[in-house]
Amino acid sequence: MNSAYALALCGKLDQAELLAGEWKKTIRPLDTVANKMSYPILQAQIQLLRKNYSNAIQMLQPVLQYERAAGSGLYAMYVRGQAYLGLGDGKAAAAEFQKILDNRGFSPLFVTYPLSHLYLGRALDQQGDRTRARIAYQNFFALWKDADPDIPILKEAQAEYAKLK
């Protein structure tokens, strides 16, 4: 399934869907984690990348009962939060990213944690709460203080933060 995620994140959405479908059908047809968590999250990620935000949220519905399970990296909340941002629902998006930040212990080293600070900032800005948005961005920058300054998402965050001042 990791290969399908990688393909999706590289923009090879049709290939990702094909690989994930084959994986689900032939390799792990009876695997509860794969069928109840991994596959729906991947499908939602693909819909998110296609900017089908409502579809992404809908695909994550079955995952709600499992989303805090070990190994999930709280990724369902992360994808759902991004979908809400895409829909312009900053309040719902902020709630998803805050759940990740409040539950870091489930997956303390997963990338969703530091990025949730950034996306929380975006969600708060979308709501017009610039003060709390600045704090969320500052928390993100504190975690990324030693990062390569040329990382695109860091540059984006810095430009967004500059507009909040």
Foldseek 3Di string as FASTA:
>chain_A
DVVLLVCLVVPVLVVSVVVLVCCCPPPPVPPCCSVQAVSLLSVLSNCVVVLVLVVSLVSCVSCVVPQLPAPNLSSSLLSNLSSCVSVLQLVSSLVSLVVCCVPCVSPVPDPSVLVSLQSNLVSCVSVVNLVSSLVSLVSSCVVCVPPDCPDVVNVVSVVVNVVSD
